[in-house]
Amino acid sequence: MSNQFDTQVQRNLLGKQLEKEGRVLEAKALYEANICENFEGSFPYRRLAVLYRKRKLLTDEIRVLEKAVYVFESLITTGRSDVQPKLKEFKEGLIKARGKMSKFK
């Protein structure tokens, strides 16, 4: 495993712990760092989408889901068996979030 991947996994684990302690802003910053680096796992995208959805921050939820779709579409050719189900999940979440957004316009 690459050093960058190890760092990203550690950020996810620390973010998870920070959330348990109620330190959500710090956790979000760690998750955001991972998605900026195109992390190839679903965890930070899922957590950020949930955290933004709970706070009714639809623009941020949509941004995170769009990034997840972008990353997982780029992984289709890797042959990883988890890519298609996760891509489907993120696309469905994106459709729902965009639907909510259109109701506010």
PDB file of N, CA and C in Angstrom:
ATOM      1  N   MET A   1       0.835  -1.185   0.000  1.00  0.00           N
ATOM      2  CA  MET A   1       0.000   0.000   0.000  1.00  0.00           C
ATOM      3  C   MET A   1       0.881   1.251   0.000  1.00  0.00           C
ATOM      4  N   SER A   2       0.367   2.286  -0.635  1.00  0.00           N
ATOM      5  CA  SER A   2       1.151   3.509  -0.721  1.00  0.00           C
ATOM      6  C   SER A   2       1.073   4.279   0.589  1.00  0.00           C
ATOM      7  N   ASN A   3       2.038   5.114   0.787  1.00  0.00           N
ATOM      8  CA  ASN A   3       2.077   5.956   1.971  1.00  0.00           C
ATOM      9  C   ASN A   3       0.871   6.897   1.994  1.00  0.00           C
ATOM     10  N   GLN A   4       0.493   7.423   0.820  1.00  0.00           N
ATOM     11  CA  GLN A   4      -0.667   8.323   0.750  1.00  0.00           C
ATOM     12  C   GLN A   4      -1.935   7.591   1.180  1.00  0.00           C
ATOM     13  N   PHE A   5      -2.119   6.371   0.709  1.00  0.00           N
ATOM     14  CA  PHE A   5      -3.305   5.601   1.082  1.00  0.00           C
ATOM     15  C   PHE A   5      -3.329   5.362   2.594  1.00  0.00           C
ATOM     16  N   ASP A   6      -2.192   5.011   3.159  1.00  0.00           N
ATOM     17  CA  ASP A   6      -2.113   4.803   4.609  1.00  0.00           C
ATOM     18  C   ASP A   6      -2.507   6.073   5.366  1.00  0.00           C
ATOM     19  N   THR A   7      -2.019   7.202   4.900  1.00  0.00           N
ATOM     20  CA  THR A   7      -2.359   8.492   5.512  1.00  0.00           C
ATOM     21  C   THR A   7      -3.858   8.736   5.429  1.00  0.00           C
ATOM     22  N   GLN A   8      -4.442   8.444   4.267  1.00  0.00           N
ATOM     23  CA  GLN A   8      -5.875   8.654   4.080  1.00  0.00           C
ATOM     24  C   GLN A   8      -6.693   7.745   4.996  1.00  0.00           C
ATOM     25  N   VAL A   9      -6.285   6.504   5.122  1.00  0.00           N
ATOM     26  CA  VAL A   9      -6.988   5.577   6.013  1.00  0.00           C
ATOM     27  C   VAL A   9      -6.909   6.087   7.451  1.00  0.00           C
ATOM     28  N   GLN A  10      -5.748   6.561   7.852  1.00  0.00           N
ATOM     29  CA  GLN A  10      -5.595   7.099   9.208  1.00  0.00           C
ATOM     30  C   GLN A  10      -6.502   8.309   9.424  1.00  0.00           C
ATOM     31  N   ARG A  11      -6.617   9.156   8.400  1.00  0.00           N
ATOM     32  CA  ARG A  11      -7.537  10.302   8.504  1.00  0.00           C
ATOM     33  C   ARG A  11      -8.970   9.829   8.713  1.00  0.00           C
ATOM     34  N   ASN A  12      -9.370   8.805   7.956  1.00  0.00           N
ATOM     35  CA  ASN A  12     -10.731   8.275   8.115  1.00  0.00           C
ATOM     36  C   ASN A  12     -10.958   7.751   9.523  1.00  0.00           C
ATOM     37  N   LEU A  13      -9.997   6.998  10.034  1.00  0.00           N
ATOM     38  CA  LEU A  13     -10.130   6.439  11.383  1.00  0.00           C
ATOM     39  C   LEU A  13     -10.186   7.539  12.440  1.00  0.00           C
ATOM     40  N   LEU A  14      -9.329   8.541  12.290  1.00  0.00           N
ATOM     41  CA  LEU A  14      -9.338   9.654  13.232  1.00  0.00           C
ATOM     42  C   LEU A  14     -10.651  10.439  13.113  1.00  0.00           C
ATOM     43  N   GLY A  15     -11.108  10.644  11.873  1.00  0.00           N
ATOM     44  CA  GLY A  15     -12.379  11.346  11.664  1.00  0.00           C
ATOM     45  C   GLY A  15     -13.532  10.629  12.333  1.00  0.00           C
ATOM     46  N   LYS A  16     -13.552   9.321  12.211  1.00  0.00           N
ATOM     47  CA  LYS A  16     -14.593   8.502  12.843  1.00  0.00           C
ATOM     48  C   LYS A  16     -14.571   8.691  14.359  1.00  0.00           C
ATOM     49  N   GLN A  17     -13.373   8.679  14.939  1.00  0.00           N
ATOM     50  CA  GLN A  17     -13.221   8.884  16.385  1.00  0.00           C
ATOM     51  C   GLN A  17     -13.667  10.293  16.779  1.00  0.00           C
ATOM     52  N   LEU A  18     -13.272  11.287  15.997  1.00  0.00           N
ATOM     53  CA  LEU A  18     -13.660  12.668  16.291  1.00  0.00           C
ATOM     54  C   LEU A  18     -15.177  12.834  16.251  1.00  0.00           C
ATOM     55  N   GLU A  19     -15.820  12.176  15.295  1.00  0.00           N
ATOM     56  CA  GLU A  19     -17.286  12.232  15.239  1.00  0.00           C
ATOM     57  C   GLU A  19     -17.893  11.673  16.520  1.00  0.00           C
ATOM     58  N   LYS A  20     -17.372  10.559  16.998  1.00  0.00           N
ATOM     59  CA  LYS A  20     -17.874   9.952  18.243  1.00  0.00           C
ATOM     60  C   LYS A  20     -17.738  10.913  19.418  1.00  0.00           C
ATOM     61  N   GLU A  21     -16.699  11.742  19.362  1.00  0.00           N
ATOM     62  CA  GLU A  21     -16.452  12.711  20.433  1.00  0.00           C
ATOM     63  C   GLU A  21     -17.220  14.013  20.215  1.00  0.00           C
ATOM     64  N   GLY A  22     -18.001  14.084  19.133  1.00  0.00           N
ATOM     65  CA  GLY A  22     -18.769  15.290  18.844  1.00  0.00           C
ATOM     66  C   GLY A  22     -17.970  16.387  18.165  1.00  0.00           C
ATOM     67  N   ARG A  23     -16.795  16.064  17.702  1.00  0.00           N
ATOM     68  CA  ARG A  23     -15.912  17.051  17.055  1.00  0.00           C
ATOM     69  C   ARG A  23     -16.071  16.942  15.531  1.00  0.00           C
ATOM     70  N   VAL A  24     -17.272  17.256  15.083  1.00  0.00           N
ATOM     71  CA  VAL A  24     -17.668  17.024  13.694  1.00  0.00           C
ATOM     72  C   VAL A  24     -16.896  17.912  12.717  1.00  0.00           C
ATOM     73  N   LEU A  25     -16.658  19.161  13.077  1.00  0.00           N
ATOM     74  CA  LEU A  25     -15.924  20.051  12.165  1.00  0.00           C
ATOM     75  C   LEU A  25     -14.523  19.518  11.875  1.00  0.00           C
ATOM     76  N   GLU A  26     -13.867  19.013  12.889  1.00  0.00           N
ATOM     77  CA  GLU A  26     -12.529  18.448  12.700  1.00  0.00           C
ATOM     78  C   GLU A  26     -12.594  17.186  11.837  1.00  0.00           C
ATOM     79  N   ALA A  27     -13.604  16.376  12.062  1.00  0.00           N
ATOM     80  CA  ALA A  27     -13.781  15.160  11.263  1.00  0.00           C
ATOM     81  C   ALA A  27     -14.027  15.525   9.800  1.00  0.00           C
ATOM     82  N   LYS A  28     -14.901  16.500   9.580  1.00  0.00           N
ATOM     83  CA  LYS A  28     -15.187  16.917   8.200  1.00  0.00           C
ATOM     84  C   LYS A  28     -13.929  17.389   7.484  1.00  0.00           C
ATOM     85  N   ALA A  29     -13.075  18.105   8.181  1.00  0.00           N
ATOM     86  CA  ALA A  29     -11.838  18.591   7.563  1.00  0.00           C
ATOM     87  C   ALA A  29     -10.960  17.424   7.103  1.00  0.00           C
ATOM     88  N   LEU A  30     -10.905  16.368   7.903  1.00  0.00           N
ATOM     89  CA  LEU A  30     -10.115  15.191   7.516  1.00  0.00           C
ATOM     90  C   LEU A  30     -10.734  14.491   6.314  1.00  0.00           C
ATOM     91  N   TYR A  31     -12.046  14.330   6.332  1.00  0.00           N
ATOM     92  CA  TYR A  31     -12.730  13.682   5.202  1.00  0.00           C
ATOM     93  C   TYR A  31     -12.573  14.514   3.924  1.00  0.00           C
ATOM     94  N   GLU A  32     -12.688  15.827   4.072  1.00  0.00           N
ATOM     95  CA  GLU A  32     -12.530  16.714   2.907  1.00  0.00           C
ATOM     96  C   GLU A  32     -11.125  16.584   2.312  1.00  0.00           C
ATOM     97  N   ALA A  33     -10.119  16.458   3.172  1.00  0.00           N
ATOM     98  CA  ALA A  33      -8.748  16.281   2.677  1.00  0.00           C
ATOM     99  C   ALA A  33      -8.655  15.010   1.848  1.00  0.00           C
ATOM    100  N   ASN A  34      -9.309  13.954   2.313  1.00  0.00           N
ATOM    101  CA  ASN A  34      -9.267  12.691   1.570  1.00  0.00           C
ATOM    102  C   ASN A  34      -9.967  12.796   0.226  1.00  0.00           C
ATOM    103  N   ILE A  35     -11.122  13.435   0.185  1.00  0.00           N
ATOM    104  CA  ILE A  35     -11.807  13.485  -1.110  1.00  0.00           C
ATOM    105  C   ILE A  35     -11.095  14.429  -2.078  1.00  0.00           C
ATOM    106  N   CYS A  36     -10.386  15.419  -1.544  1.00  0.00           N
ATOM    107  CA  CYS A  36      -9.578  16.287  -2.418  1.00  0.00           C
ATOM    108  C   CYS A  36      -8.466  15.492  -3.103  1.00  0.00           C
ATOM    109  N   GLU A  37      -8.029  14.433  -2.429  1.00  0.00           N
ATOM    110  CA  GLU A  37      -6.975  13.569  -2.970  1.00  0.00           C
ATOM    111  C   GLU A  37      -7.554  12.359  -3.714  1.00  0.00           C
ATOM    112  N   ASN A  38      -8.856  12.389  -4.023  1.00  0.00           N
ATOM    113  CA  ASN A  38      -9.518  11.305  -4.769  1.00  0.00           C
ATOM    114  C   ASN A  38      -9.384   9.946  -4.082  1.00  0.00           C
ATOM    115  N   PHE A  39      -9.623   9.914  -2.772  1.00  0.00           N
ATOM    116  CA  PHE A  39      -9.561   8.663  -2.018  1.00  0.00           C
ATOM    117  C   PHE A  39     -10.420   7.609  -2.713  1.00  0.00           C
ATOM    118  N   GLU A  40      -9.904   6.388  -2.822  1.00  0.00           N
ATOM    119  CA  GLU A  40     -10.562   5.335  -3.604  1.00  0.00           C
ATOM    120  C   GLU A  40     -11.423   4.394  -2.769  1.00  0.00           C
ATOM    121  N   GLY A  41     -11.904   4.884  -1.648  1.00  0.00           N
ATOM    122  CA  GLY A  41     -12.849   4.139  -0.820  1.00  0.00           C
ATOM    123  C   GLY A  41     -14.067   5.010  -0.579  1.00  0.00           C
ATOM    124  N   SER A  42     -15.141   4.414  -0.171  1.00  0.00           N
ATOM    125  CA  SER A  42     -16.411   5.142  -0.060  1.00  0.00           C
ATOM    126  C   SER A  42     -16.593   5.905   1.253  1.00  0.00           C
ATOM    127  N   PHE A  43     -15.837   5.557   2.284  1.00  0.00           N
ATOM    128  CA  PHE A  43     -16.101   6.070   3.624  1.00  0.00           C
ATOM    129  C   PHE A  43     -16.199   7.596   3.722  1.00  0.00           C
ATOM    130  N   PRO A  44     -15.184   8.369   3.297  1.00  0.00           N
ATOM    131  CA  PRO A  44     -15.288   9.817   3.515  1.00  0.00           C
ATOM    132  C   PRO A  44     -16.414  10.463   2.701  1.00  0.00           C
ATOM    133  N   TYR A  45     -16.708   9.914   1.537  1.00  0.00           N
ATOM    134  CA  TYR A  45     -17.800  10.452   0.716  1.00  0.00           C
ATOM    135  C   TYR A  45     -19.147  10.220   1.408  1.00  0.00           C
ATOM    136  N   ARG A  46     -19.325   9.006   1.913  1.00  0.00           N
ATOM    137  CA  ARG A  46     -20.573   8.681   2.628  1.00  0.00           C
ATOM    138  C   ARG A  46     -20.743   9.550   3.861  1.00  0.00           C
ATOM    139  N   ARG A  47     -19.689   9.648   4.649  1.00  0.00           N
ATOM    140  CA  ARG A  47     -19.803  10.409   5.892  1.00  0.00           C
ATOM    141  C   ARG A  47     -20.072  11.877   5.610  1.00  0.00           C
ATOM    142  N   LEU A  48     -19.357  12.458   4.665  1.00  0.00           N
ATOM    143  CA  LEU A  48     -19.592  13.867   4.350  1.00  0.00           C
ATOM    144  C   LEU A  48     -21.000  14.085   3.814  1.00  0.00           C
ATOM    145  N   ALA A  49     -21.462  13.203   2.939  1.00  0.00           N
ATOM    146  CA  ALA A  49     -22.817  13.341   2.396  1.00  0.00           C
ATOM    147  C   ALA A  49     -23.837  13.328   3.530  1.00  0.00           C
ATOM    148  N   VAL A  50     -23.676  12.417   4.472  1.00  0.00           N
ATOM    149  CA  VAL A  50     -24.599  12.329   5.613  1.00  0.00           C
ATOM    150  C   VAL A  50     -24.499  13.587   6.477  1.00  0.00           C
ATOM    151  N   LEU A  51     -23.293  14.003   6.784  1.00  0.00           N
ATOM    152  CA  LEU A  51     -23.121  15.172   7.643  1.00  0.00           C
ATOM    153  C   LEU A  51     -23.709  16.427   7.005  1.00  0.00           C
ATOM    154  N   TYR A  52     -23.494  16.602   5.715  1.00  0.00           N
ATOM    155  CA  TYR A  52     -24.058  17.770   5.034  1.00  0.00           C
ATOM    156  C   TYR A  52     -25.577  17.662   4.906  1.00  0.00           C
ATOM    157  N   ARG A  53     -26.080  16.464   4.639  1.00  0.00           N
ATOM    158  CA  ARG A  53     -27.524  16.260   4.527  1.00  0.00           C
ATOM    159  C   ARG A  53     -28.221  16.598   5.840  1.00  0.00           C
ATOM    160  N   LYS A  54     -27.647  16.143   6.950  1.00  0.00           N
ATOM    161  CA  LYS A  54     -28.228  16.414   8.277  1.00  0.00           C
ATOM    162  C   LYS A  54     -28.328  17.908   8.551  1.00  0.00           C
ATOM    163  N   ARG A  55     -27.397  18.677   8.022  1.00  0.00           N
ATOM    164  CA  ARG A  55     -27.372  20.126   8.241  1.00  0.00           C
ATOM    165  C   ARG A  55     -28.044  20.891   7.101  1.00  0.00           C
ATOM    166  N   LYS A  56     -28.678  20.139   6.206  1.00  0.00           N
ATOM    167  CA  LYS A  56     -29.394  20.713   5.061  1.00  0.00           C
ATOM    168  C   LYS A  56     -28.487  21.598   4.188  1.00  0.00           C
ATOM    169  N   LEU A  57     -27.234  21.157   4.050  1.00  0.00           N
ATOM    170  CA  LEU A  57     -26.268  21.841   3.190  1.00  0.00           C
ATOM    171  C   LEU A  57     -26.213  21.096   1.857  1.00  0.00           C
ATOM    172  N   LEU A  58     -27.267  21.295   1.067  1.00  0.00           N
ATOM    173  CA  LEU A  58     -27.434  20.524  -0.168  1.00  0.00           C
ATOM    174  C   LEU A  58     -26.326  20.765  -1.178  1.00  0.00           C
ATOM    175  N   THR A  59     -25.863  21.991  -1.284  1.00  0.00           N
ATOM    176  CA  THR A  59     -24.797  22.286  -2.248  1.00  0.00           C
ATOM    177  C   THR A  59     -23.545  21.460  -1.926  1.00  0.00           C
ATOM    178  N   ASP A  60     -23.210  21.380  -0.645  1.00  0.00           N
ATOM    179  CA  ASP A  60     -22.038  20.590  -0.248  1.00  0.00           C
ATOM    180  C   ASP A  60     -22.293  19.097  -0.428  1.00  0.00           C
ATOM    181  N   GLU A  61     -23.491  18.643  -0.101  1.00  0.00           N
ATOM    182  CA  GLU A  61     -23.817  17.227  -0.298  1.00  0.00           C
ATOM    183  C   GLU A  61     -23.675  16.851  -1.772  1.00  0.00           C
ATOM    184  N   ILE A  62     -24.202  17.690  -2.644  1.00  0.00           N
ATOM    185  CA  ILE A  62     -24.126  17.436  -4.088  1.00  0.00           C
ATOM    186  C   ILE A  62     -22.665  17.449  -4.553  1.00  0.00           C
ATOM    187  N   ARG A  63     -21.882  18.397  -4.073  1.00  0.00           N
ATOM    188  CA  ARG A  63     -20.460  18.475  -4.450  1.00  0.00           C
ATOM    189  C   ARG A  63     -19.727  17.184  -4.074  1.00  0.00           C
ATOM    190  N   VAL A  64     -19.978  16.695  -2.877  1.00  0.00           N
ATOM    191  CA  VAL A  64     -19.319  15.467  -2.407  1.00  0.00           C
ATOM    192  C   VAL A  64     -19.763  14.265  -3.236  1.00  0.00           C
ATOM    193  N   LEU A  65     -21.046  14.165  -3.506  1.00  0.00           N
ATOM    194  CA  LEU A  65     -21.553  13.029  -4.288  1.00  0.00           C
ATOM    195  C   LEU A  65     -21.050  13.074  -5.729  1.00  0.00           C
ATOM    196  N   GLU A  66     -20.963  14.268  -6.303  1.00  0.00           N
ATOM    197  CA  GLU A  66     -20.409  14.397  -7.656  1.00  0.00           C
ATOM    198  C   GLU A  66     -18.951  13.931  -7.683  1.00  0.00           C
ATOM    199  N   LYS A  67     -18.207  14.287  -6.655  1.00  0.00           N
ATOM    200  CA  LYS A  67     -16.813  13.870  -6.571  1.00  0.00           C
ATOM    201  C   LYS A  67     -16.732  12.349  -6.437  1.00  0.00           C
ATOM    202  N   ALA A  68     -17.616  11.759  -5.629  1.00  0.00           N
ATOM    203  CA  ALA A  68     -17.628  10.302  -5.459  1.00  0.00           C
ATOM    204  C   ALA A  68     -17.919   9.610  -6.785  1.00  0.00           C
ATOM    205  N   VAL A  69     -18.886  10.126  -7.529  1.00  0.00           N
ATOM    206  CA  VAL A  69     -19.217   9.547  -8.835  1.00  0.00           C
ATOM    207  C   VAL A  69     -18.008   9.647  -9.758  1.00  0.00           C
ATOM    208  N   TYR A  70     -17.354  10.791  -9.776  1.00  0.00           N
ATOM    209  CA  TYR A  70     -16.171  10.988 -10.607  1.00  0.00           C
ATOM    210  C   TYR A  70     -15.081   9.958 -10.259  1.00  0.00           C
ATOM    211  N   VAL A  71     -14.793   9.818  -8.970  1.00  0.00           N
ATOM    212  CA  VAL A  71     -13.729   8.909  -8.529  1.00  0.00           C
ATOM    213  C   VAL A  71     -14.083   7.465  -8.862  1.00  0.00           C
ATOM    214  N   PHE A  72     -15.308   7.054  -8.561  1.00  0.00           N
ATOM    215  CA  PHE A  72     -15.674   5.654  -8.786  1.00  0.00           C
ATOM    216  C   PHE A  72     -15.845   5.331 -10.270  1.00  0.00           C
ATOM    217  N   GLU A  73     -16.236   6.318 -11.083  1.00  0.00           N
ATOM    218  CA  GLU A  73     -16.257   6.077 -12.537  1.00  0.00           C
ATOM    219  C   GLU A  73     -14.841   5.832 -13.048  1.00  0.00           C
ATOM    220  N   SER A  74     -13.867   6.519 -12.461  1.00  0.00           N
ATOM    221  CA  SER A  74     -12.475   6.341 -12.903  1.00  0.00           C
ATOM    222  C   SER A  74     -11.919   4.980 -12.474  1.00  0.00           C
ATOM    223  N   LEU A  75     -12.591   4.317 -11.541  1.00  0.00           N
ATOM    224  CA  LEU A  75     -12.129   3.015 -11.043  1.00  0.00           C
ATOM    225  C   LEU A  75     -12.775   1.830 -11.760  1.00  0.00           C
ATOM    226  N   ILE A  76     -13.714   2.080 -12.665  1.00  0.00           N
ATOM    227  CA  ILE A  76     -14.443   0.994 -13.329  1.00  0.00           C
ATOM    228  C   ILE A  76     -13.493   0.015 -14.002  1.00  0.00           C
ATOM    229  N   THR A  77     -12.453   0.522 -14.644  1.00  0.00           N
ATOM    230  CA  THR A  77     -11.546  -0.341 -15.404  1.00  0.00           C
ATOM    231  C   THR A  77     -10.580  -1.126 -14.516  1.00  0.00           C
ATOM    232  N   THR A  78     -10.597  -0.886 -13.199  1.00  0.00           N
ATOM    233  CA  THR A  78      -9.665  -1.587 -12.308  1.00  0.00           C
ATOM    234  C   THR A  78     -10.090  -3.017 -12.037  1.00  0.00           C
ATOM    235  N   GLY A  79     -11.360  -3.326 -12.292  1.00  0.00           N
ATOM    236  CA  GLY A  79     -11.849  -4.674 -12.036  1.00  0.00           C
ATOM    237  C   GLY A  79     -12.244  -4.916 -10.586  1.00  0.00           C
ATOM    238  N   ARG A  80     -12.187  -3.880  -9.762  1.00  0.00           N
ATOM    239  CA  ARG A  80     -12.609  -4.035  -8.364  1.00  0.00           C
ATOM    240  C   ARG A  80     -14.105  -4.338  -8.316  1.00  0.00           C
ATOM    241  N   SER A  81     -14.479  -5.339  -7.566  1.00  0.00           N
ATOM    242  CA  SER A  81     -15.878  -5.771  -7.537  1.00  0.00           C
ATOM    243  C   SER A  81     -16.783  -4.812  -6.770  1.00  0.00           C
ATOM    244  N   ASP A  82     -16.210  -3.954  -5.940  1.00  0.00           N
ATOM    245  CA  ASP A  82     -17.027  -3.030  -5.151  1.00  0.00           C
ATOM    246  C   ASP A  82     -17.352  -1.733  -5.886  1.00  0.00           C
ATOM    247  N   VAL A  83     -16.741  -1.504  -7.020  1.00  0.00           N
ATOM    248  CA  VAL A  83     -16.883  -0.216  -7.703  1.00  0.00           C
ATOM    249  C   VAL A  83     -18.303   0.015  -8.216  1.00  0.00           C
ATOM    250  N   GLN A  84     -18.849  -0.940  -8.949  1.00  0.00           N
ATOM    251  CA  GLN A  84     -20.184  -0.739  -9.538  1.00  0.00           C
ATOM    252  C   GLN A  84     -21.272  -0.490  -8.485  1.00  0.00           C
ATOM    253  N   PRO A  85     -21.348  -1.301  -7.413  1.00  0.00           N
ATOM    254  CA  PRO A  85     -22.384  -1.037  -6.403  1.00  0.00           C
ATOM    255  C   PRO A  85     -22.230   0.330  -5.732  1.00  0.00           C
ATOM    256  N   LYS A  86     -21.002   0.724  -5.462  1.00  0.00           N
ATOM    257  CA  LYS A  86     -20.772   2.021  -4.827  1.00  0.00           C
ATOM    258  C   LYS A  86     -21.094   3.159  -5.787  1.00  0.00           C
ATOM    259  N   LEU A  87     -20.729   2.995  -7.042  1.00  0.00           N
ATOM    260  CA  LEU A  87     -21.047   3.997  -8.044  1.00  0.00           C
ATOM    261  C   LEU A  87     -22.558   4.171  -8.157  1.00  0.00           C
ATOM    262  N   LYS A  88     -23.275   3.062  -8.174  1.00  0.00           N
ATOM    263  CA  LYS A  88     -24.741   3.108  -8.230  1.00  0.00           C
ATOM    264  C   LYS A  88     -25.306   3.842  -7.008  1.00  0.00           C
ATOM    265  N   GLU A  89     -24.794   3.519  -5.838  1.00  0.00           N
ATOM    266  CA  GLU A  89     -25.241   4.165  -4.591  1.00  0.00           C
ATOM    267  C   GLU A  89     -25.025   5.680  -4.654  1.00  0.00           C
ATOM    268  N   PHE A  90     -23.842   6.105  -5.096  1.00  0.00           N
ATOM    269  CA  PHE A  90     -23.542   7.530  -5.146  1.00  0.00           C
ATOM    270  C   PHE A  90     -24.370   8.244  -6.213  1.00  0.00           C
ATOM    271  N   LYS A  91     -24.584   7.600  -7.351  1.00  0.00           N
ATOM    272  CA  LYS A  91     -25.420   8.210  -8.391  1.00  0.00           C
ATOM    273  C   LYS A  91     -26.856   8.381  -7.906  1.00  0.00           C
ATOM    274  N   GLU A  92     -27.381   7.376  -7.200  1.00  0.00           N
ATOM    275  CA  GLU A  92     -28.740   7.472  -6.671  1.00  0.00           C
ATOM    276  C   GLU A  92     -28.841   8.575  -5.622  1.00  0.00           C
ATOM    277  N   GLY A  93     -27.843   8.678  -4.774  1.00  0.00           N
ATOM    278  CA  GLY A  93     -27.822   9.747  -3.776  1.00  0.00           C
ATOM    279  C   GLY A  93     -27.762  11.116  -4.428  1.00  0.00           C
ATOM    280  N   LEU A  94     -27.003  11.213  -5.502  1.00  0.00           N
ATOM    281  CA  LEU A  94     -26.872  12.470  -6.234  1.00  0.00           C
ATOM    282  C   LEU A  94     -28.207  12.866  -6.859  1.00  0.00           C
ATOM    283  N   ILE A  95     -28.914  11.916  -7.431  1.00  0.00           N
ATOM    284  CA  ILE A  95     -30.226  12.195  -8.018  1.00  0.00           C
ATOM    285  C   ILE A  95     -31.186  12.716  -6.943  1.00  0.00           C
ATOM    286  N   LYS A  96     -31.192  12.072  -5.783  1.00  0.00           N
ATOM    287  CA  LYS A  96     -32.064  12.505  -4.678  1.00  0.00           C
ATOM    288  C   LYS A  96     -31.709  13.917  -4.217  1.00  0.00           C
ATOM    289  N   ALA A  97     -30.420  14.170  -4.039  1.00  0.00           N
ATOM    290  CA  ALA A  97     -29.985  15.485  -3.559  1.00  0.00           C
ATOM    291  C   ALA A  97     -30.320  16.574  -4.578  1.00  0.00           C
ATOM    292  N   ARG A  98     -30.100  16.276  -5.850  1.00  0.00           N
ATOM    293  CA  ARG A  98     -30.442  17.265  -6.884  1.00  0.00           C
ATOM    294  C   ARG A  98     -31.942  17.499  -6.933  1.00  0.00           C
ATOM    295  N   GLY A  99     -32.723  16.442  -6.689  1.00  0.00           N
ATOM    296  CA  GLY A  99     -34.174  16.588  -6.640  1.00  0.00           C
ATOM    297  C   GLY A  99     -34.609  17.515  -5.519  1.00  0.00           C
ATOM    298  N   LYS A 100     -33.981  17.372  -4.363  1.00  0.00           N
ATOM    299  CA  LYS A 100     -34.279  18.270  -3.235  1.00  0.00           C
ATOM    300  C   LYS A 100     -33.895  19.691  -3.576  1.00  0.00           C
ATOM    301  N   MET A 101     -32.740  19.845  -4.223  1.00  0.00           N
ATOM    302  CA  MET A 101     -32.256  21.163  -4.581  1.00  0.00           C
ATOM    303  C   MET A 101     -33.220  21.858  -5.538  1.00  0.00           C
ATOM    304  N   SER A 102     -33.755  21.114  -6.505  1.00  0.00           N
ATOM    305  CA  SER A 102     -34.658  21.728  -7.482  1.00  0.00           C
ATOM    306  C   SER A 102     -35.954  22.200  -6.839  1.00  0.00           C
ATOM    307  N   LYS A 103     -36.345  21.600  -5.723  1.00  0.00           N
ATOM    308  CA  LYS A 103     -37.553  22.037  -5.000  1.00  0.00           C
ATOM    309  C   LYS A 103     -37.362  23.395  -4.360  1.00  0.00           C
ATOM    310  N   PHE A 104     -36.110  23.756  -4.072  1.00  0.00           N
ATOM    311  CA  PHE A 104     -35.822  25.038  -3.422  1.00  0.00           C
ATOM    312  C   PHE A 104     -35.631  26.176  -4.417  1.00  0.00           C
ATOM    313  N   LYS A 105     -35.514  25.817  -5.679  1.00  0.00           N
ATOM    314  CA  LYS A 105     -35.271  26.870  -6.700  1.00  0.00           C
ATOM    315  C   LYS A 105     -36.568  27.434  -7.215  1.00  0.00           C
TER     316      LYS A 105
END
